[in-house]
Protein backbone atom coordinates (compact mmCIF):
# COMPACT_ATOMS: atom_id res chain seq x y z
CA UNK A 1 0.00 0.00 0.00
CA UNK A 2 1.36 3.39 -0.90
CA UNK A 3 1.11 6.43 1.29
CA UNK A 4 0.82 10.06 0.26
CA UNK A 5 3.88 11.25 -1.64
CA UNK A 6 5.24 7.75 -2.22
CA UNK A 7 7.37 6.87 -5.24
CA UNK A 8 4.51 4.78 -6.58
CA UNK A 9 2.34 7.90 -6.85
CA UNK A 10 4.80 9.61 -9.20
CA UNK A 11 3.94 7.40 -12.18
CA UNK A 12 0.63 6.72 -13.85
CA UNK A 13 0.30 3.20 -15.23
CA UNK A 14 0.46 1.92 -17.87
CA UNK A 15 3.42 4.07 -18.90
CA UNK A 16 6.52 4.06 -21.08
CA UNK A 17 9.65 3.81 -18.94
CA UNK A 18 13.34 3.80 -19.83
CA UNK A 19 15.82 1.72 -17.87
CA UNK A 20 19.52 2.52 -18.21
CA UNK A 21 22.35 0.34 -16.94
CA UNK A 22 26.08 0.97 -17.14
CA UNK A 23 28.51 -1.92 -17.07
CA UNK A 24 31.50 -3.62 -18.62
CA UNK A 25 31.61 -3.44 -22.42
CA UNK A 26 30.56 -6.53 -24.32
CA UNK A 27 27.63 -8.47 -25.68
CA UNK A 28 27.25 -10.58 -22.51
CA UNK A 29 26.41 -7.57 -20.35
CA UNK A 30 23.86 -6.28 -22.86
CA UNK A 31 22.21 -9.72 -23.12
CA UNK A 32 22.05 -10.04 -19.32
CA UNK A 33 20.37 -6.64 -18.93
CA UNK A 34 17.81 -7.43 -21.63
CA UNK A 35 17.14 -10.82 -20.01
CA UNK A 36 16.57 -9.15 -16.63
CA UNK A 37 13.94 -6.84 -18.11
CA UNK A 38 12.35 -9.66 -20.12
CA UNK A 39 11.54 -11.50 -16.90
CA UNK A 40 8.75 -8.95 -16.38
CA UNK A 41 7.85 -7.45 -19.78
CA UNK A 42 8.36 -8.01 -23.49
CA UNK A 43 11.38 -6.18 -24.91
CA UNK A 44 11.04 -5.25 -28.58
CA UNK A 45 14.40 -5.42 -30.38
CA UNK A 46 14.12 -1.80 -31.51
CA UNK A 47 13.74 -0.58 -27.91
CA UNK A 48 17.28 -1.59 -26.90
CA UNK A 49 20.15 0.85 -27.39
CA UNK A 50 23.76 0.59 -26.29
CA UNK A 51 26.58 3.09 -26.33
CA UNK A 52 30.27 2.53 -25.54
CA UNK A 53 32.20 4.77 -23.16
CA UNK A 54 34.91 7.06 -24.47
CA UNK A 55 37.68 4.52 -23.96
CA UNK A 56 35.49 1.52 -24.77
CA UNK A 57 35.84 -0.18 -21.38
CA UNK A 58 32.20 0.32 -20.40
CA UNK A 59 28.85 0.65 -22.09
CA UNK A 60 25.42 1.99 -21.30
CA UNK A 61 22.38 -0.08 -22.21
CA UNK A 62 19.02 1.68 -22.45
CA UNK A 63 15.74 -0.19 -22.76
CA UNK A 64 12.37 1.50 -23.17
CA UNK A 65 9.32 -0.60 -22.35
CA UNK A 66 5.70 -0.25 -21.30
CA UNK A 67 5.04 -0.99 -17.63
CA UNK A 68 1.61 -1.95 -16.34
CA UNK A 69 2.26 -1.47 -12.63
CA UNK A 70 4.76 -0.37 -10.00
CA UNK A 71 5.60 -3.97 -9.07
CA UNK A 72 7.07 -4.53 -12.54
CA UNK A 73 9.29 -1.47 -12.09
CA UNK A 74 10.70 -2.61 -8.76
CA UNK A 75 11.10 -6.22 -9.93
CA UNK A 76 13.06 -5.18 -13.02
CA UNK A 77 15.44 -3.02 -10.98
CA UNK A 78 15.93 -5.92 -8.55
CA UNK A 79 16.80 -8.29 -11.41
CA UNK A 80 19.17 -5.81 -13.04
CA UNK A 81 21.06 -5.40 -9.75
CA UNK A 82 21.90 -9.12 -9.94
CA UNK A 83 23.71 -8.79 -13.30
CA UNK A 84 27.45 -9.40 -13.17
CA UNK A 85 29.61 -6.48 -14.26
CA UNK A 86 26.88 -3.91 -13.48
CA UNK A 87 28.46 -0.65 -12.38
CA UNK A 88 25.48 1.73 -12.17
CA UNK A 89 21.73 1.99 -12.71
CA UNK A 90 20.22 5.29 -13.80
PDB file of N, CA and C in Angstrom:
ATOM      1  N   UNK A   1       0.845  -1.183   0.000  1.00  0.00           N
ATOM      2  CA  UNK A   1       0.000   0.000   0.000  1.00  0.00           C
ATOM      3  C   UNK A   1       0.883   1.237   0.000  1.00  0.00           C
ATOM      4  N   UNK A   2       0.539   2.195  -0.821  1.00  0.00           N
ATOM      5  CA  UNK A   2       1.359   3.394  -0.899  1.00  0.00           C
ATOM      6  C   UNK A   2       0.733   4.525  -0.109  1.00  0.00           C
ATOM      7  N   UNK A   3       1.576   5.291   0.524  1.00  0.00           N
ATOM      8  CA  UNK A   3       1.110   6.431   1.289  1.00  0.00           C
ATOM      9  C   UNK A   3       1.204   7.693   0.456  1.00  0.00           C
ATOM     10  N   UNK A   4       0.741   8.811   1.000  1.00  0.00           N
ATOM     11  CA  UNK A   4       0.820  10.061   0.256  1.00  0.00           C
ATOM     12  C   UNK A   4       2.269  10.432  -0.033  1.00  0.00           C
ATOM     13  N   UNK A   5       2.533  10.836  -1.276  1.00  0.00           N
ATOM     14  CA  UNK A   5       3.879  11.251  -1.639  1.00  0.00           C
ATOM     15  C   UNK A   5       4.844  10.110  -1.877  1.00  0.00           C
ATOM     16  N   UNK A   6       4.346   8.889  -1.999  1.00  0.00           N
ATOM     17  CA  UNK A   6       5.245   7.751  -2.216  1.00  0.00           C
ATOM     18  C   UNK A   6       5.737   7.729  -3.656  1.00  0.00           C
ATOM     19  N   UNK A   7       6.800   6.994  -3.896  1.00  0.00           N
ATOM     20  CA  UNK A   7       7.369   6.871  -5.241  1.00  0.00           C
ATOM     21  C   UNK A   7       6.348   6.289  -6.217  1.00  0.00           C
ATOM     22  N   UNK A   8       5.529   5.404  -5.743  1.00  0.00           N
ATOM     23  CA  UNK A   8       4.513   4.777  -6.582  1.00  0.00           C
ATOM     24  C   UNK A   8       3.519   5.801  -7.147  1.00  0.00           C
ATOM     25  N   UNK A   9       3.282   6.865  -6.419  1.00  0.00           N
ATOM     26  CA  UNK A   9       2.337   7.900  -6.847  1.00  0.00           C
ATOM     27  C   UNK A   9       2.900   8.800  -7.949  1.00  0.00           C
ATOM     28  N   UNK A  10       4.183   8.725  -8.215  1.00  0.00           N
ATOM     29  CA  UNK A  10       4.796   9.609  -9.199  1.00  0.00           C
ATOM     30  C   UNK A  10       4.548   9.175 -10.633  1.00  0.00           C
ATOM     31  N   UNK A  11       4.187   7.918 -10.845  1.00  0.00           N
ATOM     32  CA  UNK A  11       3.944   7.404 -12.185  1.00  0.00           C
ATOM     33  C   UNK A  11       2.485   6.993 -12.341  1.00  0.00           C
ATOM     34  N   UNK A  12       1.985   7.158 -13.538  1.00  0.00           N
ATOM     35  CA  UNK A  12       0.630   6.724 -13.851  1.00  0.00           C
ATOM     36  C   UNK A  12       0.733   5.548 -14.822  1.00  0.00           C
ATOM     37  N   UNK A  13       0.179   4.418 -14.444  1.00  0.00           N
ATOM     38  CA  UNK A  13       0.301   3.196 -15.231  1.00  0.00           C
ATOM     39  C   UNK A  13      -0.942   2.956 -16.059  1.00  0.00           C
ATOM     40  N   UNK A  14      -0.791   2.354 -17.236  1.00  0.00           N
ATOM     41  CA  UNK A  14       0.458   1.925 -17.869  1.00  0.00           C
ATOM     42  C   UNK A  14       1.249   3.138 -18.353  1.00  0.00           C
ATOM     43  N   UNK A  15       2.564   2.975 -18.455  1.00  0.00           N
ATOM     44  CA  UNK A  15       3.425   4.065 -18.899  1.00  0.00           C
ATOM     45  C   UNK A  15       4.648   3.523 -19.632  1.00  0.00           C
ATOM     46  N   UNK A  16       5.239   4.385 -20.445  1.00  0.00           N
ATOM     47  CA  UNK A  16       6.516   4.062 -21.079  1.00  0.00           C
ATOM     48  C   UNK A  16       7.598   4.429 -20.067  1.00  0.00           C
ATOM     49  N   UNK A  17       8.603   3.568 -19.935  1.00  0.00           N
ATOM     50  CA  UNK A  17       9.654   3.809 -18.943  1.00  0.00           C
ATOM     51  C   UNK A  17      10.978   3.365 -19.542  1.00  0.00           C
ATOM     52  N   UNK A  18      12.015   4.145 -19.317  1.00  0.00           N
ATOM     53  CA  UNK A  18      13.341   3.799 -19.825  1.00  0.00           C
ATOM     54  C   UNK A  18      14.255   3.395 -18.677  1.00  0.00           C
ATOM     55  N   UNK A  19      14.812   2.204 -18.803  1.00  0.00           N
ATOM     56  CA  UNK A  19      15.825   1.720 -17.869  1.00  0.00           C
ATOM     57  C   UNK A  19      17.182   1.950 -18.501  1.00  0.00           C
ATOM     58  N   UNK A  20      18.165   2.340 -17.693  1.00  0.00           N
ATOM     59  CA  UNK A  20      19.522   2.518 -18.207  1.00  0.00           C
ATOM     60  C   UNK A  20      20.493   1.886 -17.214  1.00  0.00           C
ATOM     61  N   UNK A  21      21.337   1.021 -17.754  1.00  0.00           N
ATOM     62  CA  UNK A  21      22.347   0.339 -16.944  1.00  0.00           C
ATOM     63  C   UNK A  21      23.721   0.597 -17.550  1.00  0.00           C
ATOM     64  N   UNK A  22      24.699   0.784 -16.696  1.00  0.00           N
ATOM     65  CA  UNK A  22      26.075   0.969 -17.138  1.00  0.00           C
ATOM     66  C   UNK A  22      26.890  -0.196 -16.599  1.00  0.00           C
ATOM     67  N   UNK A  23      27.695  -0.782 -17.481  1.00  0.00           N
ATOM     68  CA  UNK A  23      28.508  -1.921 -17.067  1.00  0.00           C
ATOM     69  C   UNK A  23      29.664  -2.140 -18.004  1.00  0.00           C
ATOM     70  N   UNK A  24      30.330  -3.251 -17.826  1.00  0.00           N
ATOM     71  CA  UNK A  24      31.498  -3.619 -18.623  1.00  0.00           C
ATOM     72  C   UNK A  24      31.075  -3.796 -20.074  1.00  0.00           C
ATOM     73  N   UNK A  25      31.898  -3.322 -20.997  1.00  0.00           N
ATOM     74  CA  UNK A  25      31.606  -3.437 -22.424  1.00  0.00           C
ATOM     75  C   UNK A  25      31.553  -4.900 -22.844  1.00  0.00           C
ATOM     76  N   UNK A  26      30.655  -5.188 -23.767  1.00  0.00           N
ATOM     77  CA  UNK A  26      30.565  -6.534 -24.315  1.00  0.00           C
ATOM     78  C   UNK A  26      29.137  -6.994 -24.473  1.00  0.00           C
ATOM     79  N   UNK A  27      28.962  -7.953 -25.369  1.00  0.00           N
ATOM     80  CA  UNK A  27      27.629  -8.467 -25.680  1.00  0.00           C
ATOM     81  C   UNK A  27      26.996  -9.188 -24.490  1.00  0.00           C
ATOM     82  N   UNK A  28      27.794  -9.821 -23.649  1.00  0.00           N
ATOM     83  CA  UNK A  28      27.247 -10.582 -22.514  1.00  0.00           C
ATOM     84  C   UNK A  28      26.512  -9.665 -21.540  1.00  0.00           C
ATOM     85  N   UNK A  29      27.063  -8.509 -21.268  1.00  0.00           N
ATOM     86  CA  UNK A  29      26.410  -7.573 -20.352  1.00  0.00           C
ATOM     87  C   UNK A  29      25.078  -7.098 -20.940  1.00  0.00           C
ATOM     88  N   UNK A  30      25.089  -6.740 -22.201  1.00  0.00           N
ATOM     89  CA  UNK A  30      23.859  -6.284 -22.859  1.00  0.00           C
ATOM     90  C   UNK A  30      22.793  -7.375 -22.827  1.00  0.00           C
ATOM     91  N   UNK A  31      23.168  -8.604 -23.148  1.00  0.00           N
ATOM     92  CA  UNK A  31      22.209  -9.717 -23.121  1.00  0.00           C
ATOM     93  C   UNK A  31      21.647  -9.930 -21.726  1.00  0.00           C
ATOM     94  N   UNK A  32      22.490  -9.817 -20.703  1.00  0.00           N
ATOM     95  CA  UNK A  32      22.053 -10.036 -19.323  1.00  0.00           C
ATOM     96  C   UNK A  32      21.059  -8.958 -18.882  1.00  0.00           C
ATOM     97  N   UNK A  33      21.284  -7.724 -19.280  1.00  0.00           N
ATOM     98  CA  UNK A  33      20.372  -6.636 -18.926  1.00  0.00           C
ATOM     99  C   UNK A  33      19.029  -6.838 -19.621  1.00  0.00           C
ATOM    100  N   UNK A  34      19.057  -7.179 -20.899  1.00  0.00           N
ATOM    101  CA  UNK A  34      17.812  -7.434 -21.632  1.00  0.00           C
ATOM    102  C   UNK A  34      17.064  -8.600 -20.992  1.00  0.00           C
ATOM    103  N   UNK A  35      17.770  -9.658 -20.637  1.00  0.00           N
ATOM    104  CA  UNK A  35      17.136 -10.825 -20.011  1.00  0.00           C
ATOM    105  C   UNK A  35      16.494 -10.456 -18.677  1.00  0.00           C
ATOM    106  N   UNK A  36      17.132  -9.583 -17.910  1.00  0.00           N
ATOM    107  CA  UNK A  36      16.573  -9.153 -16.625  1.00  0.00           C
ATOM    108  C   UNK A  36      15.239  -8.432 -16.832  1.00  0.00           C
ATOM    109  N   UNK A  37      15.178  -7.572 -17.833  1.00  0.00           N
ATOM    110  CA  UNK A  37      13.942  -6.839 -18.111  1.00  0.00           C
ATOM    111  C   UNK A  37      12.878  -7.792 -18.656  1.00  0.00           C
ATOM    112  N   UNK A  38      13.293  -8.720 -19.513  1.00  0.00           N
ATOM    113  CA  UNK A  38      12.349  -9.661 -20.122  1.00  0.00           C
ATOM    114  C   UNK A  38      11.679 -10.592 -19.115  1.00  0.00           C
ATOM    115  N   UNK A  39      12.201 -10.677 -17.912  1.00  0.00           N
ATOM    116  CA  UNK A  39      11.542 -11.495 -16.899  1.00  0.00           C
ATOM    117  C   UNK A  39      10.193 -10.904 -16.493  1.00  0.00           C
ATOM    118  N   UNK A  40      10.001  -9.625 -16.771  1.00  0.00           N
ATOM    119  CA  UNK A  40       8.750  -8.954 -16.383  1.00  0.00           C
ATOM    120  C   UNK A  40       7.912  -8.473 -17.563  1.00  0.00           C
ATOM    121  N   UNK A  41       8.569  -8.009 -18.631  1.00  0.00           N
ATOM    122  CA  UNK A  41       7.846  -7.449 -19.781  1.00  0.00           C
ATOM    123  C   UNK A  41       8.539  -7.838 -21.078  1.00  0.00           C
ATOM    124  N   UNK A  42       7.788  -7.763 -22.168  1.00  0.00           N
ATOM    125  CA  UNK A  42       8.361  -8.010 -23.491  1.00  0.00           C
ATOM    126  C   UNK A  42       9.282  -6.848 -23.860  1.00  0.00           C
ATOM    127  N   UNK A  43      10.411  -7.192 -24.495  1.00  0.00           N
ATOM    128  CA  UNK A  43      11.382  -6.178 -24.905  1.00  0.00           C
ATOM    129  C   UNK A  43      11.513  -6.226 -26.426  1.00  0.00           C
ATOM    130  N   UNK A  44      10.879  -5.292 -27.132  1.00  0.00           N
ATOM    131  CA  UNK A  44      11.044  -5.252 -28.584  1.00  0.00           C
ATOM    132  C   UNK A  44      12.502  -4.959 -28.945  1.00  0.00           C
ATOM    133  N   UNK A  45      12.993  -5.588 -29.990  1.00  0.00           N
ATOM    134  CA  UNK A  45      14.401  -5.421 -30.382  1.00  0.00           C
ATOM    135  C   UNK A  45      14.759  -3.964 -30.656  1.00  0.00           C
ATOM    136  N   UNK A  46      13.816  -3.193 -31.194  1.00  0.00           N
ATOM    137  CA  UNK A  46      14.120  -1.800 -31.512  1.00  0.00           C
ATOM    138  C   UNK A  46      14.067  -0.871 -30.300  1.00  0.00           C
ATOM    139  N   UNK A  47      13.780  -1.405 -29.123  1.00  0.00           N
ATOM    140  CA  UNK A  47      13.735  -0.580 -27.911  1.00  0.00           C
ATOM    141  C   UNK A  47      15.028  -0.659 -27.108  1.00  0.00           C
ATOM    142  N   UNK A  48      16.007  -1.415 -27.600  1.00  0.00           N
ATOM    143  CA  UNK A  48      17.282  -1.592 -26.902  1.00  0.00           C
ATOM    144  C   UNK A  48      18.359  -0.782 -27.612  1.00  0.00           C
ATOM    145  N   UNK A  49      19.050   0.041 -26.849  1.00  0.00           N
ATOM    146  CA  UNK A  49      20.151   0.847 -27.386  1.00  0.00           C
ATOM    147  C   UNK A  49      21.370   0.660 -26.481  1.00  0.00           C
ATOM    148  N   UNK A  50      22.537   0.637 -27.096  1.00  0.00           N
ATOM    149  CA  UNK A  50      23.761   0.592 -26.290  1.00  0.00           C
ATOM    150  C   UNK A  50      24.759   1.587 -26.850  1.00  0.00           C
ATOM    151  N   UNK A  51      25.600   2.069 -25.953  1.00  0.00           N
ATOM    152  CA  UNK A  51      26.584   3.085 -26.333  1.00  0.00           C
ATOM    153  C   UNK A  51      27.866   2.834 -25.553  1.00  0.00           C
ATOM    154  N   UNK A  52      29.001   2.753 -26.240  1.00  0.00           N
ATOM    155  CA  UNK A  52      30.267   2.530 -25.537  1.00  0.00           C
ATOM    156  C   UNK A  52      30.760   3.806 -24.850  1.00  0.00           C
ATOM    157  N   UNK A  53      31.565   3.624 -23.819  1.00  0.00           N
ATOM    158  CA  UNK A  53      32.198   4.766 -23.157  1.00  0.00           C
ATOM    159  C   UNK A  53      33.310   5.305 -24.059  1.00  0.00           C
ATOM    160  N   UNK A  54      33.861   6.421 -23.679  1.00  0.00           N
ATOM    161  CA  UNK A  54      34.911   7.060 -24.470  1.00  0.00           C
ATOM    162  C   UNK A  54      36.099   6.166 -24.757  1.00  0.00           C
ATOM    163  N   UNK A  55      36.525   5.403 -23.775  1.00  0.00           N
ATOM    164  CA  UNK A  55      37.676   4.522 -23.956  1.00  0.00           C
ATOM    165  C   UNK A  55      37.269   3.092 -24.313  1.00  0.00           C
ATOM    166  N   UNK A  56      35.970   2.831 -24.354  1.00  0.00           N
ATOM    167  CA  UNK A  56      35.489   1.523 -24.767  1.00  0.00           C
ATOM    168  C   UNK A  56      35.508   0.450 -23.698  1.00  0.00           C
ATOM    169  N   UNK A  57      35.802   0.807 -22.453  1.00  0.00           N
ATOM    170  CA  UNK A  57      35.843  -0.184 -21.375  1.00  0.00           C
ATOM    171  C   UNK A  57      34.452  -0.496 -20.816  1.00  0.00           C
ATOM    172  N   UNK A  58      33.549   0.455 -20.952  1.00  0.00           N
ATOM    173  CA  UNK A  58      32.202   0.324 -20.402  1.00  0.00           C
ATOM    174  C   UNK A  58      31.181   0.622 -21.485  1.00  0.00           C
ATOM    175  N   UNK A  59      29.932   0.317 -21.174  1.00  0.00           N
ATOM    176  CA  UNK A  59      28.845   0.650 -22.088  1.00  0.00           C
ATOM    177  C   UNK A  59      27.595   0.956 -21.285  1.00  0.00           C
ATOM    178  N   UNK A  60      26.737   1.774 -21.888  1.00  0.00           N
ATOM    179  CA  UNK A  60      25.416   1.990 -21.302  1.00  0.00           C
ATOM    180  C   UNK A  60      24.415   1.242 -22.170  1.00  0.00           C
ATOM    181  N   UNK A  61      23.450   0.627 -21.519  1.00  0.00           N
ATOM    182  CA  UNK A  61      22.384  -0.083 -22.211  1.00  0.00           C
ATOM    183  C   UNK A  61      21.073   0.546 -21.763  1.00  0.00           C
ATOM    184  N   UNK A  62      20.312   1.061 -22.720  1.00  0.00           N
ATOM    185  CA  UNK A  62      19.017   1.684 -22.451  1.00  0.00           C
ATOM    186  C   UNK A  62      17.929   0.824 -23.063  1.00  0.00           C
ATOM    187  N   UNK A  63      16.870   0.610 -22.292  1.00  0.00           N
ATOM    188  CA  UNK A  63      15.741  -0.189 -22.757  1.00  0.00           C
ATOM    189  C   UNK A  63      14.466   0.555 -22.397  1.00  0.00           C
ATOM    190  N   UNK A  64      13.646   0.827 -23.415  1.00  0.00           N
ATOM    191  CA  UNK A  64      12.374   1.503 -23.165  1.00  0.00           C
ATOM    192  C   UNK A  64      11.245   0.495 -23.365  1.00  0.00           C
ATOM    193  N   UNK A  65      10.417   0.359 -22.326  1.00  0.00           N
ATOM    194  CA  UNK A  65       9.319  -0.605 -22.348  1.00  0.00           C
ATOM    195  C   UNK A  65       8.061   0.028 -21.769  1.00  0.00           C
ATOM    196  N   UNK A  66       6.953  -0.672 -21.917  1.00  0.00           N
ATOM    197  CA  UNK A  66       5.699  -0.252 -21.301  1.00  0.00           C
ATOM    198  C   UNK A  66       5.490  -1.055 -20.027  1.00  0.00           C
ATOM    199  N   UNK A  67       5.289  -0.360 -18.923  1.00  0.00           N
ATOM    200  CA  UNK A  67       5.035  -0.995 -17.630  1.00  0.00           C
ATOM    201  C   UNK A  67       3.561  -0.877 -17.295  1.00  0.00           C
ATOM    202  N   UNK A  68       3.016  -1.943 -16.728  1.00  0.00           N
ATOM    203  CA  UNK A  68       1.608  -1.949 -16.342  1.00  0.00           C
ATOM    204  C   UNK A  68       1.381  -1.594 -14.879  1.00  0.00           C
ATOM    205  N   UNK A  69       2.432  -1.755 -14.049  1.00  0.00           N
ATOM    206  CA  UNK A  69       2.264  -1.472 -12.625  1.00  0.00           C
ATOM    207  C   UNK A  69       3.612  -1.235 -11.953  1.00  0.00           C
ATOM    208  N   UNK A  70       3.556  -0.713 -10.757  1.00  0.00           N
ATOM    209  CA  UNK A  70       4.762  -0.375  -9.997  1.00  0.00           C
ATOM    210  C   UNK A  70       5.571  -1.613  -9.623  1.00  0.00           C
ATOM    211  N   UNK A  71       4.906  -2.732  -9.417  1.00  0.00           N
ATOM    212  CA  UNK A  71       5.604  -3.973  -9.068  1.00  0.00           C
ATOM    213  C   UNK A  71       6.566  -4.388 -10.181  1.00  0.00           C
ATOM    214  N   UNK A  72       6.171  -4.208 -11.424  1.00  0.00           N
ATOM    215  CA  UNK A  72       7.073  -4.525 -12.541  1.00  0.00           C
ATOM    216  C   UNK A  72       8.329  -3.659 -12.471  1.00  0.00           C
ATOM    217  N   UNK A  73       8.161  -2.394 -12.190  1.00  0.00           N
ATOM    218  CA  UNK A  73       9.290  -1.469 -12.090  1.00  0.00           C
ATOM    219  C   UNK A  73      10.283  -1.936 -11.032  1.00  0.00           C
ATOM    220  N   UNK A  74       9.796  -2.210  -9.841  1.00  0.00           N
ATOM    221  CA  UNK A  74      10.701  -2.613  -8.763  1.00  0.00           C
ATOM    222  C   UNK A  74      11.320  -3.988  -9.020  1.00  0.00           C
ATOM    223  N   UNK A  75      10.573  -4.886  -9.630  1.00  0.00           N
ATOM    224  CA  UNK A  75      11.101  -6.219  -9.932  1.00  0.00           C
ATOM    225  C   UNK A  75      12.204  -6.156 -10.981  1.00  0.00           C
ATOM    226  N   UNK A  76      12.032  -5.310 -11.984  1.00  0.00           N
ATOM    227  CA  UNK A  76      13.059  -5.180 -13.021  1.00  0.00           C
ATOM    228  C   UNK A  76      14.337  -4.610 -12.432  1.00  0.00           C
ATOM    229  N   UNK A  77      14.235  -3.569 -11.613  1.00  0.00           N
ATOM    230  CA  UNK A  77      15.443  -3.023 -10.984  1.00  0.00           C
ATOM    231  C   UNK A  77      16.126  -4.078 -10.105  1.00  0.00           C
ATOM    232  N   UNK A  78      15.354  -4.875  -9.394  1.00  0.00           N
ATOM    233  CA  UNK A  78      15.932  -5.922  -8.547  1.00  0.00           C
ATOM    234  C   UNK A  78      16.684  -6.942  -9.391  1.00  0.00           C
ATOM    235  N   UNK A  79      16.125  -7.322 -10.530  1.00  0.00           N
ATOM    236  CA  UNK A  79      16.795  -8.288 -11.407  1.00  0.00           C
ATOM    237  C   UNK A  79      18.048  -7.697 -12.042  1.00  0.00           C
ATOM    238  N   UNK A  80      17.986  -6.437 -12.432  1.00  0.00           N
ATOM    239  CA  UNK A  80      19.167  -5.809 -13.044  1.00  0.00           C
ATOM    240  C   UNK A  80      20.313  -5.691 -12.034  1.00  0.00           C
ATOM    241  N   UNK A  81      19.995  -5.490 -10.776  1.00  0.00           N
ATOM    242  CA  UNK A  81      21.058  -5.396  -9.750  1.00  0.00           C
ATOM    243  C   UNK A  81      21.833  -6.707  -9.605  1.00  0.00           C
ATOM    244  N   UNK A  82      21.251  -7.827 -10.037  1.00  0.00           N
ATOM    245  CA  UNK A  82      21.905  -9.125  -9.941  1.00  0.00           C
ATOM    246  C   UNK A  82      22.882  -9.394 -11.088  1.00  0.00           C
ATOM    247  N   UNK A  83      22.883  -8.556 -12.109  1.00  0.00           N
ATOM    248  CA  UNK A  83      23.705  -8.787 -13.298  1.00  0.00           C
ATOM    249  C   UNK A  83      25.186  -8.552 -12.970  1.00  0.00           C
ATOM    250  N   UNK A  84      25.998  -9.538 -13.327  1.00  0.00           N
ATOM    251  CA  UNK A  84      27.451  -9.404 -13.165  1.00  0.00           C
ATOM    252  C   UNK A  84      27.946  -8.240 -14.015  1.00  0.00           C
ATOM    253  N   UNK A  85      28.960  -7.590 -13.559  1.00  0.00           N
ATOM    254  CA  UNK A  85      29.612  -6.478 -14.257  1.00  0.00           C
ATOM    255  C   UNK A  85      28.785  -5.191 -14.303  1.00  0.00           C
ATOM    256  N   UNK A  86      27.664  -5.148 -13.588  1.00  0.00           N
ATOM    257  CA  UNK A  86      26.884  -3.914 -13.482  1.00  0.00           C
ATOM    258  C   UNK A  86      27.660  -2.914 -12.632  1.00  0.00           C
ATOM    259  N   UNK A  87      27.770  -1.694 -13.133  1.00  0.00           N
ATOM    260  CA  UNK A  87      28.460  -0.651 -12.381  1.00  0.00           C
ATOM    261  C   UNK A  87      27.496   0.400 -11.834  1.00  0.00           C
ATOM    262  N   UNK A  88      26.386   0.668 -12.588  1.00  0.00           N
ATOM    263  CA  UNK A  88      25.481   1.728 -12.169  1.00  0.00           C
ATOM    264  C   UNK A  88      24.123   1.563 -12.860  1.00  0.00           C
ATOM    265  N   UNK A  89      23.073   1.907 -12.139  1.00  0.00           N
ATOM    266  CA  UNK A  89      21.731   1.993 -12.706  1.00  0.00           C
ATOM    267  C   UNK A  89      21.296   3.450 -12.670  1.00  0.00           C
ATOM    268  N   UNK A  90      20.704   3.910 -13.745  1.00  0.00           N
ATOM    269  CA  UNK A  90      20.222   5.292 -13.798  1.00  0.00           C
ATOM    270  C   UNK A  90      18.721   5.297 -13.948  1.00  0.00           C
TER     271      UNK A  90
END
